[in-house]
PDB file of N, CA and C in Angstrom:
ATOM      1  N   MET A   1      18.468  -9.729   7.848  1.00  0.00           N
ATOM      2  CA  MET A   1      18.446  -8.283   7.848  1.00  0.00           C
ATOM      3  C   MET A   1      17.373  -7.788   8.829  1.00  0.00           C
ATOM      4  N   THR A   2      17.707  -6.798   9.586  1.00  0.00           N
ATOM      5  CA  THR A   2      16.799  -6.246  10.584  1.00  0.00           C
ATOM      6  C   THR A   2      15.809  -5.292   9.915  1.00  0.00           C
ATOM      7  N   SER A   3      14.534  -5.471  10.215  1.00  0.00           N
ATOM      8  CA  SER A   3      13.509  -4.587   9.654  1.00  0.00           C
ATOM      9  C   SER A   3      13.437  -3.298  10.464  1.00  0.00           C
ATOM     10  N   SER A   4      12.818  -2.301   9.891  1.00  0.00           N
ATOM     11  CA  SER A   4      12.651  -1.038  10.621  1.00  0.00           C
ATOM     12  C   SER A   4      11.788  -1.246  11.864  1.00  0.00           C
ATOM     13  N   THR A   5      10.836  -2.159  11.786  1.00  0.00           N
ATOM     14  CA  THR A   5      10.006  -2.461  12.956  1.00  0.00           C
ATOM     15  C   THR A   5      10.851  -3.084  14.065  1.00  0.00           C
ATOM     16  N   ASP A   6      11.722  -4.024  13.698  1.00  0.00           N
ATOM     17  CA  ASP A   6      12.599  -4.647  14.693  1.00  0.00           C
ATOM     18  C   ASP A   6      13.503  -3.607  15.338  1.00  0.00           C
ATOM     19  N   PHE A   7      14.010  -2.692  14.532  1.00  0.00           N
ATOM     20  CA  PHE A   7      14.867  -1.621  15.049  1.00  0.00           C
ATOM     21  C   PHE A   7      14.088  -0.742  16.034  1.00  0.00           C
ATOM     22  N   LEU A   8      12.859  -0.377  15.652  1.00  0.00           N
ATOM     23  CA  LEU A   8      12.022   0.454  16.523  1.00  0.00           C
ATOM     24  C   LEU A   8      11.721  -0.266  17.836  1.00  0.00           C
ATOM     25  N   PHE A   9      11.436  -1.564  17.765  1.00  0.00           N
ATOM     26  CA  PHE A   9      11.161  -2.347  18.971  1.00  0.00           C
ATOM     27  C   PHE A   9      12.411  -2.460  19.848  1.00  0.00           C
ATOM     28  N   ALA A  10      13.592  -2.564  19.230  1.00  0.00           N
ATOM     29  CA  ALA A  10      14.836  -2.637  20.001  1.00  0.00           C
ATOM     30  C   ALA A  10      15.091  -1.329  20.745  1.00  0.00           C
ATOM     31  N   MET A  11      14.748  -0.217  20.122  1.00  0.00           N
ATOM     32  CA  MET A  11      14.950   1.091  20.746  1.00  0.00           C
ATOM     33  C   MET A  11      13.871   1.416  21.776  1.00  0.00           C
ATOM     34  N   ASN A  12      12.702   0.799  21.627  1.00  0.00           N
ATOM     35  CA  ASN A  12      11.554   1.060  22.508  1.00  0.00           C
ATOM     36  C   ASN A  12      10.978  -0.270  22.984  1.00  0.00           C
ATOM     37  N   PRO A  13      11.641  -0.945  23.899  1.00  0.00           N
ATOM     38  CA  PRO A  13      11.227  -2.295  24.319  1.00  0.00           C
ATOM     39  C   PRO A  13       9.783  -2.378  24.810  1.00  0.00           C
ATOM     40  N   HIS A  14       9.234  -1.281  25.324  1.00  0.00           N
ATOM     41  CA  HIS A  14       7.851  -1.306  25.810  1.00  0.00           C
ATOM     42  C   HIS A  14       6.851  -1.612  24.691  1.00  0.00           C
ATOM     43  N   LEU A  15       7.245  -1.417  23.440  1.00  0.00           N
ATOM     44  CA  LEU A  15       6.323  -1.687  22.331  1.00  0.00           C
ATOM     45  C   LEU A  15       5.930  -3.154  22.243  1.00  0.00           C
ATOM     46  N   ALA A  16       6.774  -4.035  22.749  1.00  0.00           N
ATOM     47  CA  ALA A  16       6.449  -5.464  22.746  1.00  0.00           C
ATOM     48  C   ALA A  16       5.201  -5.749  23.569  1.00  0.00           C
ATOM     49  N   ASP A  17       4.873  -4.858  24.502  1.00  0.00           N
ATOM     50  CA  ASP A  17       3.697  -5.035  25.351  1.00  0.00           C
ATOM     51  C   ASP A  17       2.439  -4.384  24.780  1.00  0.00           C
ATOM     52  N   VAL A  18       2.568  -3.699  23.647  1.00  0.00           N
ATOM     53  CA  VAL A  18       1.422  -3.012  23.033  1.00  0.00           C
ATOM     54  C   VAL A  18       0.741  -3.980  22.069  1.00  0.00           C
ATOM     55  N   ARG A  19      -0.469  -4.361  22.429  1.00  0.00           N
ATOM     56  CA  ARG A  19      -1.219  -5.336  21.642  1.00  0.00           C
ATOM     57  C   ARG A  19      -1.389  -4.876  20.197  1.00  0.00           C
ATOM     58  N   GLY A  20      -0.936  -5.701  19.249  1.00  0.00           N
ATOM     59  CA  GLY A  20      -1.121  -5.445  17.831  1.00  0.00           C
ATOM     60  C   GLY A  20      -0.106  -4.498  17.209  1.00  0.00           C
ATOM     61  N   MET A  21       0.856  -4.024  17.977  1.00  0.00           N
ATOM     62  CA  MET A  21       1.770  -2.998  17.471  1.00  0.00           C
ATOM     63  C   MET A  21       2.632  -3.492  16.315  1.00  0.00           C
ATOM     64  N   LYS A  22       3.172  -4.682  16.421  1.00  0.00           N
ATOM     65  CA  LYS A  22       4.048  -5.192  15.356  1.00  0.00           C
ATOM     66  C   LYS A  22       3.285  -5.296  14.038  1.00  0.00           C
ATOM     67  N   SER A  23       2.095  -5.832  14.068  1.00  0.00           N
ATOM     68  CA  SER A  23       1.268  -5.938  12.865  1.00  0.00           C
ATOM     69  C   SER A  23       0.881  -4.555  12.344  1.00  0.00           C
ATOM     70  N   PHE A  24       0.551  -3.655  13.245  1.00  0.00           N
ATOM     71  CA  PHE A  24       0.181  -2.279  12.909  1.00  0.00           C
ATOM     72  C   PHE A  24       1.305  -1.604  12.119  1.00  0.00           C
ATOM     73  N   LEU A  25       2.538  -1.811  12.552  1.00  0.00           N
ATOM     74  CA  LEU A  25       3.684  -1.206  11.875  1.00  0.00           C
ATOM     75  C   LEU A  25       4.070  -1.970  10.608  1.00  0.00           C
ATOM     76  N   ASN A  26       4.166  -3.287  10.705  1.00  0.00           N
ATOM     77  CA  ASN A  26       4.577  -4.082   9.542  1.00  0.00           C
ATOM     78  C   ASN A  26       3.630  -3.931   8.354  1.00  0.00           C
ATOM     79  N   ASN A  27       2.355  -3.757   8.641  1.00  0.00           N
ATOM     80  CA  ASN A  27       1.359  -3.613   7.574  1.00  0.00           C
ATOM     81  C   ASN A  27       1.127  -2.158   7.179  1.00  0.00           C
ATOM     82  N   ARG A  28       1.986  -1.283   7.681  1.00  0.00           N
ATOM     83  CA  ARG A  28       1.960   0.145   7.352  1.00  0.00           C
ATOM     84  C   ARG A  28       0.628   0.806   7.714  1.00  0.00           C
ATOM     85  N   LEU A  29      -0.039   0.254   8.704  1.00  0.00           N
ATOM     86  CA  LEU A  29      -1.305   0.833   9.144  1.00  0.00           C
ATOM     87  C   LEU A  29      -1.091   2.184   9.816  1.00  0.00           C
ATOM     88  N   HIS A  30       0.104   2.419  10.346  1.00  0.00           N
ATOM     89  CA  HIS A  30       0.396   3.716  10.953  1.00  0.00           C
ATOM     90  C   HIS A  30       0.325   4.831   9.908  1.00  0.00           C
ATOM     91  N   ILE A  31       0.714   4.540   8.675  1.00  0.00           N
ATOM     92  CA  ILE A  31       0.630   5.526   7.591  1.00  0.00           C
ATOM     93  C   ILE A  31      -0.836   5.783   7.249  1.00  0.00           C
ATOM     94  N   GLN A  32      -1.598   4.710   7.144  1.00  0.00           N
ATOM     95  CA  GLN A  32      -3.032   4.831   6.869  1.00  0.00           C
ATOM     96  C   GLN A  32      -3.714   5.633   7.976  1.00  0.00           C
ATOM     97  N   PHE A  33      -3.332   5.371   9.217  1.00  0.00           N
ATOM     98  CA  PHE A  33      -3.887   6.064  10.375  1.00  0.00           C
ATOM     99  C   PHE A  33      -3.596   7.568  10.295  1.00  0.00           C
ATOM    100  N   GLU A  34      -2.375   7.926   9.946  1.00  0.00           N
ATOM    101  CA  GLU A  34      -2.017   9.340   9.821  1.00  0.00           C
ATOM    102  C   GLU A  34      -2.837  10.012   8.718  1.00  0.00           C
ATOM    103  N   ARG A  35      -3.044   9.298   7.617  1.00  0.00           N
ATOM    104  CA  ARG A  35      -3.867   9.838   6.525  1.00  0.00           C
ATOM    105  C   ARG A  35      -5.317  10.007   6.967  1.00  0.00           C
ATOM    106  N   MET A  36      -5.802   9.068   7.770  1.00  0.00           N
ATOM    107  CA  MET A  36      -7.167   9.181   8.307  1.00  0.00           C
ATOM    108  C   MET A  36      -7.308  10.450   9.139  1.00  0.00           C
ATOM    109  N   ASP A  37      -6.292  10.742   9.946  1.00  0.00           N
ATOM    110  CA  ASP A  37      -6.361  11.945  10.760  1.00  0.00           C
ATOM    111  C   ASP A  37      -6.377  13.188   9.870  1.00  0.00           C
ATOM    112  N   ASN A  38      -5.528  13.202   8.850  1.00  0.00           N
ATOM    113  CA  ASN A  38      -5.483  14.367   7.950  1.00  0.00           C
ATOM    114  C   ASN A  38      -6.818  14.635   7.275  1.00  0.00           C
ATOM    115  N   SER A  39      -7.542  13.565   6.937  1.00  0.00           N
ATOM    116  CA  SER A  39      -8.817  13.713   6.232  1.00  0.00           C
ATOM    117  C   SER A  39     -10.029  13.615   7.166  1.00  0.00           C
ATOM    118  N   ASN A  40      -9.775  13.475   8.475  1.00  0.00           N
ATOM    119  CA  ASN A  40     -10.830  13.329   9.484  1.00  0.00           C
ATOM    120  C   ASN A  40     -11.775  12.174   9.142  1.00  0.00           C
ATOM    121  N   ASP A  41     -11.180  11.038   8.841  1.00  0.00           N
ATOM    122  CA  ASP A  41     -11.933   9.836   8.473  1.00  0.00           C
ATOM    123  C   ASP A  41     -12.361   9.091   9.742  1.00  0.00           C
ATOM    124  N   THR A  42     -13.435   9.563  10.351  1.00  0.00           N
ATOM    125  CA  THR A  42     -13.886   8.967  11.613  1.00  0.00           C
ATOM    126  C   THR A  42     -14.397   7.537  11.427  1.00  0.00           C
ATOM    127  N   ASP A  43     -14.945   7.226  10.261  1.00  0.00           N
ATOM    128  CA  ASP A  43     -15.345   5.842  10.000  1.00  0.00           C
ATOM    129  C   ASP A  43     -14.119   4.934   9.977  1.00  0.00           C
ATOM    130  N   GLY A  44     -13.034   5.439   9.399  1.00  0.00           N
ATOM    131  CA  GLY A  44     -11.779   4.687   9.384  1.00  0.00           C
ATOM    132  C   GLY A  44     -11.227   4.501  10.781  1.00  0.00           C
ATOM    133  N   PHE A  45     -11.300   5.550  11.606  1.00  0.00           N
ATOM    134  CA  PHE A  45     -10.860   5.425  12.996  1.00  0.00           C
ATOM    135  C   PHE A  45     -11.624   4.292  13.674  1.00  0.00           C
ATOM    136  N   GLU A  46     -12.935   4.320  13.516  1.00  0.00           N
ATOM    137  CA  GLU A  46     -13.788   3.329  14.184  1.00  0.00           C
ATOM    138  C   GLU A  46     -13.436   1.914  13.748  1.00  0.00           C
ATOM    139  N   LYS A  47     -13.276   1.721  12.459  1.00  0.00           N
ATOM    140  CA  LYS A  47     -12.972   0.382  11.940  1.00  0.00           C
ATOM    141  C   LYS A  47     -11.605  -0.104  12.426  1.00  0.00           C
ATOM    142  N   MET A  48     -10.582   0.747  12.316  1.00  0.00           N
ATOM    143  CA  MET A  48      -9.238   0.359  12.741  1.00  0.00           C
ATOM    144  C   MET A  48      -9.179   0.168  14.255  1.00  0.00           C
ATOM    145  N   PHE A  49      -9.915   0.990  14.997  1.00  0.00           N
ATOM    146  CA  PHE A  49      -9.907   0.929  16.454  1.00  0.00           C
ATOM    147  C   PHE A  49     -10.461  -0.391  16.969  1.00  0.00           C
ATOM    148  N   GLN A  50     -11.333  -1.010  16.226  1.00  0.00           N
ATOM    149  CA  GLN A  50     -11.882  -2.306  16.636  1.00  0.00           C
ATOM    150  C   GLN A  50     -10.798  -3.373  16.718  1.00  0.00           C
ATOM    151  N   GLN A  51      -9.755  -3.241  15.883  1.00  0.00           N
ATOM    152  CA  GLN A  51      -8.694  -4.244  15.875  1.00  0.00           C
ATOM    153  C   GLN A  51      -7.401  -3.769  16.538  1.00  0.00           C
ATOM    154  N   TYR A  52      -7.103  -2.484  16.456  1.00  0.00           N
ATOM    155  CA  TYR A  52      -5.808  -1.979  16.916  1.00  0.00           C
ATOM    156  C   TYR A  52      -5.907  -0.800  17.888  1.00  0.00           C
ATOM    157  N   PRO A  53      -6.744  -0.847  18.891  1.00  0.00           N
ATOM    158  CA  PRO A  53      -6.889   0.327  19.756  1.00  0.00           C
ATOM    159  C   PRO A  53      -5.593   0.706  20.477  1.00  0.00           C
ATOM    160  N   ASP A  54      -4.908  -0.270  21.020  1.00  0.00           N
ATOM    161  CA  ASP A  54      -3.696   0.031  21.779  1.00  0.00           C
ATOM    162  C   ASP A  54      -2.580   0.555  20.875  1.00  0.00           C
ATOM    163  N   ALA A  55      -2.444  -0.030  19.691  1.00  0.00           N
ATOM    164  CA  ALA A  55      -1.407   0.404  18.754  1.00  0.00           C
ATOM    165  C   ALA A  55      -1.691   1.819  18.255  1.00  0.00           C
ATOM    166  N   MET A  56      -2.947   2.126  17.998  1.00  0.00           N
ATOM    167  CA  MET A  56      -3.300   3.474  17.544  1.00  0.00           C
ATOM    168  C   MET A  56      -2.967   4.511  18.610  1.00  0.00           C
ATOM    169  N   VAL A  57      -3.345   4.236  19.840  1.00  0.00           N
ATOM    170  CA  VAL A  57      -3.090   5.183  20.927  1.00  0.00           C
ATOM    171  C   VAL A  57      -1.585   5.328  21.149  1.00  0.00           C
ATOM    172  N   GLU A  58      -0.849   4.228  21.143  1.00  0.00           N
ATOM    173  CA  GLU A  58       0.597   4.303  21.355  1.00  0.00           C
ATOM    174  C   GLU A  58       1.283   5.059  20.216  1.00  0.00           C
ATOM    175  N   HIS A  59       0.885   4.799  18.984  1.00  0.00           N
ATOM    176  CA  HIS A  59       1.474   5.517  17.847  1.00  0.00           C
ATOM    177  C   HIS A  59       1.175   7.010  17.960  1.00  0.00           C
ATOM    178  N   ARG A  60      -0.049   7.335  18.310  1.00  0.00           N
ATOM    179  CA  ARG A  60      -0.415   8.747  18.479  1.00  0.00           C
ATOM    180  C   ARG A  60       0.439   9.389  19.567  1.00  0.00           C
ATOM    181  N   ASN A  61       0.559   8.718  20.698  1.00  0.00           N
ATOM    182  CA  ASN A  61       1.308   9.281  21.813  1.00  0.00           C
ATOM    183  C   ASN A  61       2.798   9.426  21.484  1.00  0.00           C
ATOM    184  N   MET A  62       3.360   8.459  20.769  1.00  0.00           N
ATOM    185  CA  MET A  62       4.780   8.513  20.441  1.00  0.00           C
ATOM    186  C   MET A  62       5.094   9.570  19.379  1.00  0.00           C
ATOM    187  N   SER A  63       4.145   9.871  18.524  1.00  0.00           N
ATOM    188  CA  SER A  63       4.419  10.801  17.418  1.00  0.00           C
ATOM    189  C   SER A  63       3.834  12.187  17.651  1.00  0.00           C
ATOM    190  N   TRP A  64       3.160  12.381  18.795  1.00  0.00           N
ATOM    191  CA  TRP A  64       2.602  13.693  19.097  1.00  0.00           C
ATOM    192  C   TRP A  64       3.748  14.693  19.183  1.00  0.00           C
ATOM    193  N   GLY A  65       3.579  15.821  18.568  1.00  0.00           N
ATOM    194  CA  GLY A  65       4.630  16.831  18.513  1.00  0.00           C
ATOM    195  C   GLY A  65       5.303  16.849  17.154  1.00  0.00           C
ATOM    196  N   CYS A  66       5.404  15.676  16.537  1.00  0.00           N
ATOM    197  CA  CYS A  66       5.896  15.581  15.157  1.00  0.00           C
ATOM    198  C   CYS A  66       4.712  15.604  14.204  1.00  0.00           C
ATOM    199  N   PHE A  67       3.564  15.230  14.709  1.00  0.00           N
ATOM    200  CA  PHE A  67       2.358  15.104  13.905  1.00  0.00           C
ATOM    201  C   PHE A  67       1.195  15.635  14.744  1.00  0.00           C
ATOM    202  N   SER A  68       0.344  16.415  14.132  1.00  0.00           N
ATOM    203  CA  SER A  68      -0.825  16.949  14.833  1.00  0.00           C
ATOM    204  C   SER A  68      -1.966  15.946  14.735  1.00  0.00           C
ATOM    205  N   TRP A  69      -2.539  15.592  15.846  1.00  0.00           N
ATOM    206  CA  TRP A  69      -3.599  14.582  15.904  1.00  0.00           C
ATOM    207  C   TRP A  69      -4.940  15.211  16.269  1.00  0.00           C
ATOM    208  N   ASP A  70      -5.217  16.394  15.792  1.00  0.00           N
ATOM    209  CA  ASP A  70      -6.432  17.110  16.180  1.00  0.00           C
ATOM    210  C   ASP A  70      -7.705  16.307  15.938  1.00  0.00           C
ATOM    211  N   ASN A  71      -7.834  15.698  14.782  1.00  0.00           N
ATOM    212  CA  ASN A  71      -9.070  14.975  14.457  1.00  0.00           C
ATOM    213  C   ASN A  71      -9.215  13.700  15.278  1.00  0.00           C
ATOM    214  N   PHE A  72      -8.140  12.930  15.377  1.00  0.00           N
ATOM    215  CA  PHE A  72      -8.202  11.707  16.180  1.00  0.00           C
ATOM    216  C   PHE A  72      -8.450  12.041  17.644  1.00  0.00           C
ATOM    217  N   ASP A  73      -7.767  13.073  18.149  1.00  0.00           N
ATOM    218  CA  ASP A  73      -7.962  13.463  19.548  1.00  0.00           C
ATOM    219  C   ASP A  73      -9.418  13.824  19.821  1.00  0.00           C
ATOM    220  N   GLU A  74     -10.024  14.564  18.920  1.00  0.00           N
ATOM    221  CA  GLU A  74     -11.428  14.928  19.103  1.00  0.00           C
ATOM    222  C   GLU A  74     -12.308  13.684  19.076  1.00  0.00           C
ATOM    223  N   TRP A  75     -12.030  12.787  18.128  1.00  0.00           N
ATOM    224  CA  TRP A  75     -12.830  11.564  18.001  1.00  0.00           C
ATOM    225  C   TRP A  75     -12.691  10.685  19.244  1.00  0.00           C
ATOM    226  N   ILE A  76     -11.460  10.441  19.692  1.00  0.00           N
ATOM    227  CA  ILE A  76     -11.258   9.489  20.791  1.00  0.00           C
ATOM    228  C   ILE A  76     -11.741  10.036  22.128  1.00  0.00           C
ATOM    229  N   THR A  77     -11.639  11.337  22.336  1.00  0.00           N
ATOM    230  CA  THR A  77     -12.075  11.870  23.630  1.00  0.00           C
ATOM    231  C   THR A  77     -13.596  11.898  23.759  1.00  0.00           C
ATOM    232  N   LYS A  78     -14.297  11.662  22.659  1.00  0.00           N
ATOM    233  CA  LYS A  78     -15.754  11.499  22.741  1.00  0.00           C
ATOM    234  C   LYS A  78     -16.117  10.124  23.279  1.00  0.00           C
ATOM    235  N   ARG A  79     -15.159   9.214  23.245  1.00  0.00           N
ATOM    236  CA  ARG A  79     -15.355   7.887  23.827  1.00  0.00           C
ATOM    237  C   ARG A  79     -15.155   8.046  25.334  1.00  0.00           C
ATOM    238  N   THR A  80     -16.039   7.542  26.109  1.00  0.00           N
ATOM    239  CA  THR A  80     -16.044   7.833  27.542  1.00  0.00           C
ATOM    240  C   THR A  80     -14.833   7.320  28.309  1.00  0.00           C
ATOM    241  N   MET A  81     -14.086   6.369  27.778  1.00  0.00           N
ATOM    242  CA  MET A  81     -12.989   5.802  28.564  1.00  0.00           C
ATOM    243  C   MET A  81     -11.621   6.409  28.258  1.00  0.00           C
ATOM    244  N   TYR A  82     -11.565   7.474  27.465  1.00  0.00           N
ATOM    245  CA  TYR A  82     -10.280   8.074  27.104  1.00  0.00           C
ATOM    246  C   TYR A  82     -10.255   9.556  27.443  1.00  0.00           C
ATOM    247  N   PHE A  83      -9.073  10.048  27.810  1.00  0.00           N
ATOM    248  CA  PHE A  83      -8.888  11.474  28.059  1.00  0.00           C
ATOM    249  C   PHE A  83      -7.447  11.824  27.699  1.00  0.00           C
ATOM    250  N   ILE A  84      -7.164  13.100  27.554  1.00  0.00           N
ATOM    251  CA  ILE A  84      -5.816  13.559  27.235  1.00  0.00           C
ATOM    252  C   ILE A  84      -5.252  14.281  28.453  1.00  0.00           C
ATOM    253  N   HIS A  85      -4.055  13.866  28.834  1.00  0.00           N
ATOM    254  CA  HIS A  85      -3.358  14.489  29.971  1.00  0.00           C
ATOM    255  C   HIS A  85      -1.887  14.620  29.578  1.00  0.00           C
ATOM    256  N   ASP A  86      -1.331  15.799  29.712  1.00  0.00           N
ATOM    257  CA  ASP A  86       0.065  16.057  29.320  1.00  0.00           C
ATOM    258  C   ASP A  86       0.332  15.608  27.886  1.00  0.00           C
ATOM    259  N   ASN A  87      -0.619  15.898  27.008  1.00  0.00           N
ATOM    260  CA  ASN A  87      -0.518  15.583  25.583  1.00  0.00           C
ATOM    261  C   ASN A  87      -0.453  14.094  25.272  1.00  0.00           C
ATOM    262  N   LYS A  88      -0.870  13.264  26.202  1.00  0.00           N
ATOM    263  CA  LYS A  88      -0.919  11.810  25.985  1.00  0.00           C
ATOM    264  C   LYS A  88      -2.344  11.345  26.181  1.00  0.00           C
ATOM    265  N   ILE A  89      -2.797  10.491  25.285  1.00  0.00           N
ATOM    266  CA  ILE A  89      -4.105   9.874  25.470  1.00  0.00           C
ATOM    267  C   ILE A  89      -3.962   8.790  26.535  1.00  0.00           C
ATOM    268  N   GLN A  90      -4.881   8.806  27.475  1.00  0.00           N
ATOM    269  CA  GLN A  90      -4.862   7.813  28.537  1.00  0.00           C
ATOM    270  C   GLN A  90      -6.244   7.202  28.652  1.00  0.00           C
ATOM    271  N   LYS A  91      -6.253   6.001  29.136  1.00  0.00           N
ATOM    272  CA  LYS A  91      -7.500   5.262  29.323  1.00  0.00           C
ATOM    273  C   LYS A  91      -7.905   5.337  30.782  1.00  0.00           C
ATOM    274  N   THR A  92      -9.176   5.603  31.023  1.00  0.00           N
ATOM    275  CA  THR A  92      -9.655   5.553  32.396  1.00  0.00           C
ATOM    276  C   THR A  92      -9.766   4.088  32.793  1.00  0.00           C
ATOM    277  N   ILE A  93     -10.024   3.845  34.027  1.00  0.00           N
ATOM    278  CA  ILE A  93     -10.109   2.470  34.535  1.00  0.00           C
ATOM    279  C   ILE A  93     -11.094   1.722  33.748  1.00  0.00           C
TER     280      ILE A  93
END
């Protein structure tokens, strides 16, 4: 039986290149991440970001517009290597 993660990866092949994405989704960390944003849990952002930075940014970018990321956006743009352009978080060199 195909999992929802497998289905999502089939529809978005670029996700295979996102470090930690499969684990991030399979372990439902994306739900935890969304809850962190709702409660502005910056300590949670920091802890999760140590292991899943690419998956967090990709999930945020893919769900922007369906979900407001005001707290995460404020937190991540304080980090010197990230900025928002065209509603997508991007990493500087």
